[in-house]
């Protein structure tokens, strides 16, 4: 495996997005009654999943940019 930090960071960001997507799908399935997830748990799961998809990769990229400079 290559020791390129950009490659590792790219895969870390994609793993975060994939995990967030899985949370969002589970929350939506719970809200629609397909999975036995109560709505009181599905709504926070949905919010955390969306944050993990859209916000966390941006924070990581900003953090890694300041480390490299």
C-alpha atoms as a PDB file:
ATOM      1  CA  UNK A   1       0.000   0.000   0.000  1.00  0.00           C
ATOM      2  CA  UNK A   2       1.140   3.472  -0.832  1.00  0.00           C
ATOM      3  CA  UNK A   3       2.037   5.774   2.071  1.00  0.00           C
ATOM      4  CA  UNK A   4       0.234   8.726   0.483  1.00  0.00           C
ATOM      5  CA  UNK A   5      -1.631  10.674   3.205  1.00  0.00           C
ATOM      6  CA  UNK A   6      -4.023  12.192   0.646  1.00  0.00           C
ATOM      7  CA  UNK A   7      -5.224   8.730  -0.333  1.00  0.00           C
ATOM      8  CA  UNK A   8      -5.796   7.729   3.289  1.00  0.00           C
ATOM      9  CA  UNK A   9      -7.641  10.991   3.972  1.00  0.00           C
ATOM     10  CA  UNK A  10      -9.835  10.525   0.910  1.00  0.00           C
ATOM     11  CA  UNK A  11     -10.849   7.043   2.050  1.00  0.00           C
ATOM     12  CA  UNK A  12     -11.464   8.291   5.601  1.00  0.00           C
ATOM     13  CA  UNK A  13     -13.815  10.983   4.290  1.00  0.00           C
ATOM     14  CA  UNK A  14     -15.641   8.503   2.071  1.00  0.00           C
ATOM     15  CA  UNK A  15     -16.014   6.081   4.988  1.00  0.00           C
ATOM     16  CA  UNK A  16     -17.575   8.886   7.053  1.00  0.00           C
ATOM     17  CA  UNK A  17     -20.022   9.653   4.250  1.00  0.00           C
ATOM     18  CA  UNK A  18     -20.907   5.988   3.806  1.00  0.00           C
ATOM     19  CA  UNK A  19     -21.521   5.572   7.533  1.00  0.00           C
ATOM     20  CA  UNK A  20     -23.724   8.657   7.524  1.00  0.00           C
ATOM     21  CA  UNK A  21     -25.658   7.341   4.542  1.00  0.00           C
ATOM     22  CA  UNK A  22     -26.274   4.058   6.328  1.00  0.00           C
ATOM     23  CA  UNK A  23     -27.571   5.969   9.363  1.00  0.00           C
ATOM     24  CA  UNK A  24     -29.901   8.058   7.212  1.00  0.00           C
ATOM     25  CA  UNK A  25     -31.277   4.995   5.449  1.00  0.00           C
ATOM     26  CA  UNK A  26     -31.828   3.186   8.760  1.00  0.00           C
ATOM     27  CA  UNK A  27     -33.584   6.261  10.192  1.00  0.00           C
ATOM     28  CA  UNK A  28     -35.844   6.617   7.162  1.00  0.00           C
ATOM     29  CA  UNK A  29     -36.718   2.932   7.249  1.00  0.00           C
ATOM     30  CA  UNK A  30     -37.479   3.272  10.948  1.00  0.00           C
ATOM     31  CA  UNK A  31     -39.684   6.307  10.389  1.00  0.00           C
ATOM     32  CA  UNK A  32     -41.619   4.424   7.699  1.00  0.00           C
ATOM     33  CA  UNK A  33     -42.137   1.391   9.930  1.00  0.00           C
ATOM     34  CA  UNK A  34     -39.972  -0.996   7.950  1.00  0.00           C
ATOM     35  CA  UNK A  35     -37.431  -1.348  10.788  1.00  0.00           C
ATOM     36  CA  UNK A  36     -38.458  -1.612  14.445  1.00  0.00           C
ATOM     37  CA  UNK A  37     -36.873   1.725  15.374  1.00  0.00           C
ATOM     38  CA  UNK A  38     -39.008   4.089  17.457  1.00  0.00           C
ATOM     39  CA  UNK A  39     -39.414   7.605  16.053  1.00  0.00           C
ATOM     40  CA  UNK A  40     -37.787   9.068  19.150  1.00  0.00           C
ATOM     41  CA  UNK A  41     -34.583   7.269  18.105  1.00  0.00           C
ATOM     42  CA  UNK A  42     -34.994   7.596  14.340  1.00  0.00           C
ATOM     43  CA  UNK A  43     -35.067  11.421  14.245  1.00  0.00           C
ATOM     44  CA  UNK A  44     -31.737  11.894  16.078  1.00  0.00           C
ATOM     45  CA  UNK A  45     -30.246   9.117  13.938  1.00  0.00           C
ATOM     46  CA  UNK A  46     -31.369  10.982  10.830  1.00  0.00           C
ATOM     47  CA  UNK A  47     -29.895  14.274  12.046  1.00  0.00           C
ATOM     48  CA  UNK A  48     -26.579  12.722  13.070  1.00  0.00           C
ATOM     49  CA  UNK A  49     -26.379  10.865   9.749  1.00  0.00           C
ATOM     50  CA  UNK A  50     -26.915  14.071   7.776  1.00  0.00           C
ATOM     51  CA  UNK A  51     -24.279  15.863   9.838  1.00  0.00           C
ATOM     52  CA  UNK A  52     -21.884  12.984   9.198  1.00  0.00           C
ATOM     53  CA  UNK A  53     -22.521  13.195   5.452  1.00  0.00           C
ATOM     54  CA  UNK A  54     -22.303  16.963   4.952  1.00  0.00           C
ATOM     55  CA  UNK A  55     -20.492  18.597   7.889  1.00  0.00           C
ATOM     56  CA  UNK A  56     -17.857  16.210   9.230  1.00  0.00           C
ATOM     57  CA  UNK A  57     -15.957  15.756   5.916  1.00  0.00           C
ATOM     58  CA  UNK A  58     -15.696  19.550   5.611  1.00  0.00           C
ATOM     59  CA  UNK A  59     -14.342  19.819   9.143  1.00  0.00           C
ATOM     60  CA  UNK A  60     -11.815  17.058   8.470  1.00  0.00           C
ATOM     61  CA  UNK A  61     -10.671  18.690   5.224  1.00  0.00           C
ATOM     62  CA  UNK A  62     -10.222  22.041   6.977  1.00  0.00           C
ATOM     63  CA  UNK A  63      -8.313  20.388   9.808  1.00  0.00           C
ATOM     64  CA  UNK A  64      -6.030  18.474   7.451  1.00  0.00           C
ATOM     65  CA  UNK A  65      -5.394  21.626   5.400  1.00  0.00           C
ATOM     66  CA  UNK A  66      -4.118  23.469   8.486  1.00  0.00           C
ATOM     67  CA  UNK A  67      -1.866  20.538   9.420  1.00  0.00           C
ATOM     68  CA  UNK A  68      -0.199  20.527   5.997  1.00  0.00           C
ATOM     69  CA  UNK A  69       0.524  24.250   5.977  1.00  0.00           C
END
